[in-house]
Amino acid sequence: MKTIVDSPVGQLTLVGEDGKLTGLYMESQRHRPAEETFGEVVEGAFGDVVEQLEAYFKGELDVFDLELSLRGTEFQRTVWAALREIPYGETVSYGELAEQIGKPSASRAVGLANGKNPIGIIVPCHRVVGAGGGLTGYGGGLDRKQYLLAFEAQGATMPLL
């Protein structure tokens, strides 16, 4: 099942199965699965997810507490778990993330796994930057990545994207 919600970064498609969130996709997101794989639209679904996203975008929530079902390889799931450990408002480089998961020479593989994160924002892949701190690829687009990082740095005073 799926539902679509508005956010400061555009419409978000929430996808789930068995009461767990399996995807949060932005419009025109790279690696977005085909729309027909998301299932039927269920209005009002994902109440907890929507509430927490609203609180996040109001600057009232900095850690999501939701049941997620992340589907990917063991390595991808390891990277995605490490993403959830990056504190709100902070960033790490791909190399630092690779070291954190015990694979210091795997920064490229970490980047690929990061790019395939199926639950954007909640699993904060936007908090990963290049070695020099520069913005590098983001499945939702660099403008959204820049917005989310600035939003977390400044709080809920950001205008809509």
Protein backbone atom coordinates (compact mmCIF):
# COMPACT_ATOMS: atom_id res chain seq x y z
CA MET A 1 0.00 0.00 0.00
CA LYS A 2 1.02 3.59 -0.46
CA THR A 3 -0.01 7.10 0.37
CA ILE A 4 1.26 10.44 -0.86
CA VAL A 5 1.93 13.36 1.48
CA ASP A 6 3.10 16.90 0.92
CA SER A 7 6.30 18.15 2.50
CA PRO A 8 8.63 21.15 2.22
CA VAL A 9 10.73 19.10 -0.24
CA GLY A 10 7.76 18.14 -2.43
CA GLN A 11 5.45 15.18 -2.48
CA LEU A 12 6.62 12.06 -0.65
CA THR A 13 5.33 8.62 -1.52
CA LEU A 14 5.16 6.40 1.55
CA VAL A 15 5.12 2.67 0.86
CA GLY A 16 4.55 -0.12 3.34
CA GLU A 17 3.74 -3.70 3.97
CA ASP A 18 2.61 -5.59 7.07
CA GLY A 19 2.40 -2.39 9.12
CA LYS A 20 6.00 -1.36 8.40
CA LEU A 21 7.37 1.40 6.22
CA THR A 22 9.33 -0.05 3.29
CA GLY A 23 9.85 3.11 1.26
CA LEU A 24 9.81 6.88 1.32
CA TYR A 25 10.39 8.24 -2.15
CA MET A 26 10.62 11.78 -3.45
CA GLU A 27 9.40 12.98 -6.81
CA SER A 28 11.89 12.26 -9.61
CA GLN A 29 14.09 10.28 -7.21
CA ARG A 30 16.89 8.23 -8.69
CA HIS A 31 16.47 4.49 -7.96
CA ARG A 32 12.73 4.97 -7.38
CA PRO A 33 10.94 1.69 -8.09
CA ALA A 34 8.20 1.56 -10.69
CA GLU A 35 4.97 3.11 -9.41
CA GLU A 36 2.97 -0.10 -9.97
CA THR A 37 5.13 -1.93 -7.41
CA PHE A 38 3.87 0.35 -4.62
CA GLY A 39 0.36 -1.10 -4.40
CA GLU A 40 -2.95 0.64 -3.89
CA VAL A 41 -3.29 4.17 -2.53
CA VAL A 42 -4.70 4.07 0.98
CA GLU A 43 -5.77 7.51 2.19
CA GLY A 44 -4.89 8.18 5.81
CA ALA A 45 -2.40 5.31 5.98
CA PHE A 46 0.90 5.63 7.81
CA GLY A 47 -0.46 7.90 10.55
CA ASP A 48 2.64 7.57 12.77
CA VAL A 49 4.96 8.21 9.82
CA VAL A 50 3.01 11.28 8.71
CA GLU A 51 2.88 12.66 12.27
CA GLN A 52 6.62 12.21 12.75
CA LEU A 53 7.43 13.73 9.35
CA GLU A 54 5.24 16.74 10.19
CA ALA A 55 7.00 17.11 13.55
CA TYR A 56 10.41 16.81 11.84
CA PHE A 57 9.56 19.55 9.34
CA LYS A 58 8.29 21.77 12.16
CA GLY A 59 11.65 21.38 13.89
CA GLU A 60 10.07 19.45 16.78
CA LEU A 61 11.57 16.00 16.08
CA ASP A 62 15.16 15.02 15.42
CA VAL A 63 15.01 11.23 15.82
CA PHE A 64 12.38 9.08 14.11
CA ASP A 65 10.90 6.16 16.03
CA LEU A 66 9.19 4.00 13.42
CA GLU A 67 9.02 0.36 12.42
CA LEU A 68 10.93 0.03 9.16
CA SER A 69 11.46 -2.86 6.81
CA LEU A 70 14.61 -2.12 4.84
CA ARG A 71 15.07 -4.49 1.92
CA GLY A 72 18.51 -4.82 0.46
CA THR A 73 21.72 -6.77 0.66
CA GLU A 74 23.37 -7.36 4.02
CA PHE A 75 25.96 -4.71 3.18
CA GLN A 76 23.26 -2.18 2.22
CA ARG A 77 21.33 -2.83 5.43
CA THR A 78 24.56 -2.34 7.41
CA VAL A 79 25.13 1.02 5.73
CA TRP A 80 21.50 2.06 6.25
CA ALA A 81 21.71 1.13 9.94
CA ALA A 82 24.84 3.28 10.25
CA LEU A 83 23.01 6.18 8.58
CA ARG A 84 20.44 6.11 11.37
CA GLU A 85 23.27 6.69 13.87
CA ILE A 86 24.33 10.03 12.32
CA PRO A 87 23.01 12.70 14.68
CA TYR A 88 20.52 15.30 13.50
CA GLY A 89 22.28 18.34 12.10
CA GLU A 90 25.62 16.58 11.64
CA THR A 91 27.33 15.10 8.60
CA VAL A 92 29.90 12.40 7.93
CA SER A 93 31.87 11.62 4.81
CA TYR A 94 31.50 8.43 2.82
CA GLY A 95 34.98 7.43 4.02
CA GLU A 96 34.08 8.04 7.66
CA LEU A 97 30.92 5.98 7.25
CA ALA A 98 32.94 3.18 5.65
CA GLU A 99 35.28 3.21 8.65
CA GLN A 100 32.36 3.18 11.07
CA ILE A 101 31.02 -0.04 9.56
CA GLY A 102 34.47 -1.66 9.61
CA LYS A 103 35.11 -1.42 5.86
CA PRO A 104 37.57 1.50 5.56
CA SER A 105 38.36 0.85 1.90
CA ALA A 106 34.70 0.63 0.85
CA SER A 107 33.76 4.31 0.56
CA ARG A 108 32.55 3.84 -3.04
CA ALA A 109 30.41 0.86 -2.06
CA VAL A 110 29.07 2.88 0.88
CA GLY A 111 28.16 5.64 -1.58
CA LEU A 112 26.32 3.19 -3.81
CA ALA A 113 24.42 1.71 -0.86
CA ASN A 114 23.66 5.22 0.38
CA GLY A 115 22.21 6.10 -3.02
CA LYS A 116 19.88 3.11 -2.94
CA ASN A 117 18.46 3.91 0.48
CA PRO A 118 14.72 3.19 0.11
CA ILE A 119 13.58 5.35 3.03
CA GLY A 120 14.90 8.86 2.50
CA ILE A 121 14.82 11.51 5.25
CA ILE A 122 13.96 8.97 7.97
CA VAL A 123 17.10 6.99 7.15
CA PRO A 124 19.14 10.17 6.73
CA CYS A 125 21.34 9.55 3.72
CA HIS A 126 21.33 13.32 3.15
CA ARG A 127 23.76 13.61 6.08
CA VAL A 128 26.59 11.98 4.09
CA VAL A 129 28.91 14.34 2.23
CA GLY A 130 32.10 14.18 0.20
CA ALA A 131 35.54 13.93 1.79
CA GLY A 132 36.03 17.70 1.80
CA GLY A 133 32.53 18.34 3.12
CA GLY A 134 31.14 19.12 -0.33
CA LEU A 135 27.72 18.02 -1.46
CA THR A 136 27.87 14.98 -3.67
CA GLY A 137 25.15 12.85 -5.21
CA TYR A 138 21.75 12.48 -3.62
CA GLY A 139 18.94 10.30 -4.96
CA GLY A 140 16.41 13.05 -4.28
CA GLY A 141 18.53 15.71 -6.01
CA LEU A 142 21.25 17.98 -4.68
CA ASP A 143 18.80 20.84 -4.14
CA ARG A 144 16.85 18.66 -1.69
CA LYS A 145 20.03 17.49 0.03
CA GLN A 146 21.18 21.08 0.45
CA TYR A 147 17.74 22.04 1.77
CA LEU A 148 17.62 19.19 4.32
CA LEU A 149 21.12 19.93 5.61
CA ALA A 150 20.39 23.65 5.90
CA PHE A 151 17.03 22.91 7.51
CA GLU A 152 18.66 20.73 10.16
CA ALA A 153 21.31 23.38 10.77
CA GLN A 154 18.81 26.26 11.03
CA GLY A 155 15.66 24.58 12.31
CA ALA A 156 12.12 25.06 11.10
CA THR A 157 12.66 28.58 9.77
CA MET A 158 13.48 27.36 6.26
CA PRO A 159 11.20 28.41 3.40
CA LEU A 160 9.74 25.69 1.18
CA LEU A 161 11.99 24.28 -1.48
